[in-house]
PDB file of N, CA and C in Angstrom:
ATOM      1  N   MET A   1       0.833  -1.176   0.000  1.00  0.00           N
ATOM      2  CA  MET A   1       0.000   0.000   0.000  1.00  0.00           C
ATOM      3  C   MET A   1       0.883   1.246   0.000  1.00  0.00           C
ATOM      4  N   ASP A   2       1.066   1.776  -1.150  1.00  0.00           N
ATOM      5  CA  ASP A   2       1.895   2.963  -1.300  1.00  0.00           C
ATOM      6  C   ASP A   2       1.007   4.197  -1.418  1.00  0.00           C
ATOM      7  N   ILE A   3       1.362   5.253  -0.693  1.00  0.00           N
ATOM      8  CA  ILE A   3       0.542   6.473  -0.688  1.00  0.00           C
ATOM      9  C   ILE A   3       0.559   7.155  -2.057  1.00  0.00           C
ATOM     10  N   ILE A   4       1.600   6.934  -2.834  1.00  0.00           N
ATOM     11  CA  ILE A   4       1.718   7.559  -4.154  1.00  0.00           C
ATOM     12  C   ILE A   4       0.592   7.085  -5.077  1.00  0.00           C
ATOM     13  N   GLN A   5       0.119   5.871  -4.907  1.00  0.00           N
ATOM     14  CA  GLN A   5      -0.960   5.346  -5.738  1.00  0.00           C
ATOM     15  C   GLN A   5      -2.260   6.120  -5.537  1.00  0.00           C
ATOM     16  N   TYR A   6      -2.442   6.705  -4.365  1.00  0.00           N
ATOM     17  CA  TYR A   6      -3.709   7.355  -4.035  1.00  0.00           C
ATOM     18  C   TYR A   6      -3.678   8.870  -4.212  1.00  0.00           C
ATOM     19  N   LEU A   7      -2.554   9.440  -4.647  1.00  0.00           N
ATOM     20  CA  LEU A   7      -2.481  10.885  -4.837  1.00  0.00           C
ATOM     21  C   LEU A   7      -3.378  11.362  -5.969  1.00  0.00           C
ATOM     22  N   ASP A   8      -3.590  10.535  -6.987  1.00  0.00           N
ATOM     23  CA  ASP A   8      -4.484  10.918  -8.073  1.00  0.00           C
ATOM     24  C   ASP A   8      -5.930  11.032  -7.606  1.00  0.00           C
ATOM     25  N   GLU A   9      -6.299  10.289  -6.585  1.00  0.00           N
ATOM     26  CA  GLU A   9      -7.661  10.350  -6.065  1.00  0.00           C
ATOM     27  C   GLU A   9      -7.834  11.461  -5.032  1.00  0.00           C
ATOM     28  N   LEU A  10      -6.735  11.984  -4.511  1.00  0.00           N
ATOM     29  CA  LEU A  10      -6.812  13.024  -3.493  1.00  0.00           C
ATOM     30  C   LEU A  10      -7.237  14.367  -4.075  1.00  0.00           C
ATOM     31  N   GLU A  11      -6.802  14.684  -5.275  1.00  0.00           N
ATOM     32  CA  GLU A  11      -7.142  15.973  -5.898  1.00  0.00           C
ATOM     33  C   GLU A  11      -8.639  16.119  -6.169  1.00  0.00           C
ATOM     34  N   PRO A  12      -9.313  15.124  -6.766  1.00  0.00           N
ATOM     35  CA  PRO A  12     -10.762  15.268  -6.966  1.00  0.00           C
ATOM     36  C   PRO A  12     -11.541  15.337  -5.653  1.00  0.00           C
ATOM     37  N   VAL A  13     -11.088  14.619  -4.644  1.00  0.00           N
ATOM     38  CA  VAL A  13     -11.765  14.663  -3.348  1.00  0.00           C
ATOM     39  C   VAL A  13     -11.637  16.060  -2.748  1.00  0.00           C
ATOM     40  N   GLY A  14     -10.466  16.679  -2.903  1.00  0.00           N
ATOM     41  CA  GLY A  14     -10.285  18.051  -2.437  1.00  0.00           C
ATOM     42  C   GLY A  14     -11.215  19.012  -3.141  1.00  0.00           C
ATOM     43  N   MET A  15     -11.405  18.798  -4.454  1.00  0.00           N
ATOM     44  CA  MET A  15     -12.313  19.666  -5.213  1.00  0.00           C
ATOM     45  C   MET A  15     -13.749  19.495  -4.729  1.00  0.00           C
ATOM     46  N   VAL A  16     -14.141  18.281  -4.436  1.00  0.00           N
ATOM     47  CA  VAL A  16     -15.491  18.031  -3.922  1.00  0.00           C
ATOM     48  C   VAL A  16     -15.670  18.686  -2.552  1.00  0.00           C
ATOM     49  N   LEU A  17     -14.646  18.611  -1.706  1.00  0.00           N
ATOM     50  CA  LEU A  17     -14.752  19.218  -0.372  1.00  0.00           C
ATOM     51  C   LEU A  17     -14.818  20.740  -0.453  1.00  0.00           C
ATOM     52  N   ILE A  18     -14.042  21.341  -1.331  1.00  0.00           N
ATOM     53  CA  ILE A  18     -14.121  22.796  -1.529  1.00  0.00           C
ATOM     54  C   ILE A  18     -15.501  23.176  -2.053  1.00  0.00           C
ATOM     55  N   GLY A  19     -16.037  22.377  -2.981  1.00  0.00           N
ATOM     56  CA  GLY A  19     -17.384  22.621  -3.483  1.00  0.00           C
ATOM     57  C   GLY A  19     -18.427  22.513  -2.395  1.00  0.00           C
ATOM     58  N   LEU A  20     -18.243  21.568  -1.478  1.00  0.00           N
ATOM     59  CA  LEU A  20     -19.185  21.413  -0.367  1.00  0.00           C
ATOM     60  C   LEU A  20     -19.142  22.635   0.552  1.00  0.00           C
ATOM     61  N   VAL A  21     -17.950  23.135   0.828  1.00  0.00           N
ATOM     62  CA  VAL A  21     -17.837  24.340   1.664  1.00  0.00           C
ATOM     63  C   VAL A  21     -18.493  25.530   0.969  1.00  0.00           C
ATOM     64  N   LEU A  22     -18.265  25.685  -0.333  1.00  0.00           N
ATOM     65  CA  LEU A  22     -18.888  26.788  -1.061  1.00  0.00           C
ATOM     66  C   LEU A  22     -20.406  26.638  -1.124  1.00  0.00           C
ATOM     67  N   PHE A  23     -20.883  25.406  -1.173  1.00  0.00           N
ATOM     68  CA  PHE A  23     -22.323  25.166  -1.208  1.00  0.00           C
ATOM     69  C   PHE A  23     -22.978  25.545   0.120  1.00  0.00           C
ATOM     70  N   ILE A  24     -22.260  25.333   1.211  1.00  0.00           N
ATOM     71  CA  ILE A  24     -22.817  25.627   2.534  1.00  0.00           C
ATOM     72  C   ILE A  24     -22.932  27.130   2.763  1.00  0.00           C
ATOM     73  N   ILE A  25     -22.030  27.922   2.169  1.00  0.00           N
ATOM     74  CA  ILE A  25     -22.092  29.379   2.324  1.00  0.00           C
ATOM     75  C   ILE A  25     -23.395  29.873   1.670  1.00  0.00           C
ATOM     76  N   PRO A  26     -24.198  30.656   2.388  1.00  0.00           N
ATOM     77  CA  PRO A  26     -25.541  30.981   1.884  1.00  0.00           C
ATOM     78  C   PRO A  26     -25.598  32.131   0.870  1.00  0.00           C
ATOM     79  N   GLU A  27     -24.756  32.132  -0.098  1.00  0.00           N
ATOM     80  CA  GLU A  27     -24.809  33.100  -1.194  1.00  0.00           C
ATOM     81  C   GLU A  27     -25.173  32.335  -2.469  1.00  0.00           C
ATOM     82  N   PRO A  28     -26.041  32.867  -3.301  1.00  0.00           N
ATOM     83  CA  PRO A  28     -26.429  32.134  -4.514  1.00  0.00           C
ATOM     84  C   PRO A  28     -25.255  31.839  -5.456  1.00  0.00           C
ATOM     85  N   ALA A  29     -24.338  32.799  -5.600  1.00  0.00           N
ATOM     86  CA  ALA A  29     -23.219  32.586  -6.523  1.00  0.00           C
ATOM     87  C   ALA A  29     -22.273  31.501  -6.012  1.00  0.00           C
ATOM     88  N   THR A  30     -21.955  31.511  -4.711  1.00  0.00           N
ATOM     89  CA  THR A  30     -21.046  30.496  -4.198  1.00  0.00           C
ATOM     90  C   THR A  30     -21.717  29.123  -4.150  1.00  0.00           C
ATOM     91  N   SER A  31     -23.023  29.099  -3.917  1.00  0.00           N
ATOM     92  CA  SER A  31     -23.726  27.814  -3.922  1.00  0.00           C
ATOM     93  C   SER A  31     -23.723  27.202  -5.320  1.00  0.00           C
ATOM     94  N   THR A  32     -23.897  28.024  -6.330  1.00  0.00           N
ATOM     95  CA  THR A  32     -23.869  27.522  -7.708  1.00  0.00           C
ATOM     96  C   THR A  32     -22.470  27.044  -8.077  1.00  0.00           C
ATOM     97  N   LEU A  33     -21.467  27.815  -7.697  1.00  0.00           N
ATOM     98  CA  LEU A  33     -20.087  27.397  -7.958  1.00  0.00           C
ATOM     99  C   LEU A  33     -19.762  26.119  -7.190  1.00  0.00           C
ATOM    100  N   GLY A  34     -20.253  26.009  -5.968  1.00  0.00           N
ATOM    101  CA  GLY A  34     -20.026  24.807  -5.168  1.00  0.00           C
ATOM    102  C   GLY A  34     -20.633  23.572  -5.799  1.00  0.00           C
ATOM    103  N   ILE A  35     -21.868  23.686  -6.312  1.00  0.00           N
ATOM    104  CA  ILE A  35     -22.500  22.544  -6.993  1.00  0.00           C
ATOM    105  C   ILE A  35     -21.686  22.148  -8.224  1.00  0.00           C
ATOM    106  N   GLY A  36     -21.218  23.144  -8.972  1.00  0.00           N
ATOM    107  CA  GLY A  36     -20.399  22.859 -10.154  1.00  0.00           C
ATOM    108  C   GLY A  36     -19.114  22.141  -9.791  1.00  0.00           C
ATOM    109  N   LEU A  37     -18.456  22.570  -8.714  1.00  0.00           N
ATOM    110  CA  LEU A  37     -17.222  21.908  -8.292  1.00  0.00           C
ATOM    111  C   LEU A  37     -17.488  20.495  -7.778  1.00  0.00           C
ATOM    112  N   ILE A  38     -18.603  20.299  -7.112  1.00  0.00           N
ATOM    113  CA  ILE A  38     -18.938  18.952  -6.636  1.00  0.00           C
ATOM    114  C   ILE A  38     -19.160  18.011  -7.817  1.00  0.00           C
ATOM    115  N   VAL A  39     -19.894  18.477  -8.819  1.00  0.00           N
ATOM    116  CA  VAL A  39     -20.162  17.629  -9.993  1.00  0.00           C
ATOM    117  C   VAL A  39     -18.876  17.364 -10.771  1.00  0.00           C
ATOM    118  N   LEU A  40     -18.081  18.403 -10.994  1.00  0.00           N
ATOM    119  CA  LEU A  40     -16.825  18.236 -11.728  1.00  0.00           C
ATOM    120  C   LEU A  40     -15.848  17.352 -10.960  1.00  0.00           C
ATOM    121  N   GLY A  41     -15.755  17.563  -9.651  1.00  0.00           N
ATOM    122  CA  GLY A  41     -14.877  16.724  -8.836  1.00  0.00           C
ATOM    123  C   GLY A  41     -15.330  15.273  -8.805  1.00  0.00           C
ATOM    124  N   GLY A  42     -16.634  15.053  -8.748  1.00  0.00           N
ATOM    125  CA  GLY A  42     -17.148  13.679  -8.775  1.00  0.00           C
ATOM    126  C   GLY A  42     -16.868  12.982 -10.090  1.00  0.00           C
ATOM    127  N   ALA A  43     -17.050  13.701 -11.189  1.00  0.00           N
ATOM    128  CA  ALA A  43     -16.752  13.115 -12.502  1.00  0.00           C
ATOM    129  C   ALA A  43     -15.268  12.815 -12.639  1.00  0.00           C
ATOM    130  N   TRP A  44     -14.437  13.729 -12.153  1.00  0.00           N
ATOM    131  CA  TRP A  44     -12.986  13.528 -12.209  1.00  0.00           C
ATOM    132  C   TRP A  44     -12.586  12.354 -11.335  1.00  0.00           C
ATOM    133  N   TRP A  45     -13.215  12.206 -10.168  1.00  0.00           N
ATOM    134  CA  TRP A  45     -12.914  11.108  -9.257  1.00  0.00           C
ATOM    135  C   TRP A  45     -13.244   9.767  -9.911  1.00  0.00           C
ATOM    136  N   PHE A  46     -14.412   9.663 -10.561  1.00  0.00           N
ATOM    137  CA  PHE A  46     -14.763   8.419 -11.225  1.00  0.00           C
ATOM    138  C   PHE A  46     -13.852   8.141 -12.416  1.00  0.00           C
ATOM    139  N   TYR A  47     -13.413   9.188 -13.103  1.00  0.00           N
ATOM    140  CA  TYR A  47     -12.461   9.007 -14.198  1.00  0.00           C
ATOM    141  C   TYR A  47     -11.138   8.441 -13.676  1.00  0.00           C
ATOM    142  N   GLU A  48     -10.629   8.995 -12.606  1.00  0.00           N
ATOM    143  CA  GLU A  48      -9.371   8.505 -12.022  1.00  0.00           C
ATOM    144  C   GLU A  48      -9.550   7.098 -11.441  1.00  0.00           C
ATOM    145  N   TRP A  49     -10.725   6.807 -10.911  1.00  0.00           N
ATOM    146  CA  TRP A  49     -10.969   5.510 -10.302  1.00  0.00           C
ATOM    147  C   TRP A  49     -10.972   4.405 -11.363  1.00  0.00           C
ATOM    148  N   ASN A  50     -11.512   4.661 -12.533  1.00  0.00           N
ATOM    149  CA  ASN A  50     -11.596   3.644 -13.577  1.00  0.00           C
ATOM    150  C   ASN A  50     -10.328   3.515 -14.408  1.00  0.00           C
ATOM    151  N   ARG A  51      -9.349   4.400 -14.176  1.00  0.00           N
ATOM    152  CA  ARG A  51      -8.101   4.289 -14.939  1.00  0.00           C
ATOM    153  C   ARG A  51      -7.206   3.230 -14.421  1.00  0.00           C
TER     154      ARG A  51
END
């Protein structure tokens, strides 16, 4: 179990977490940006997972 193998999965998870924080902030613009980052991070995570 090498940590280097999981670094590719760490970046999309970080993007999803940043999107979640932006979604929680009660401004319409940050909530929309947060949803976009969550969706993009999730798609990127599944792309990295299937590689």
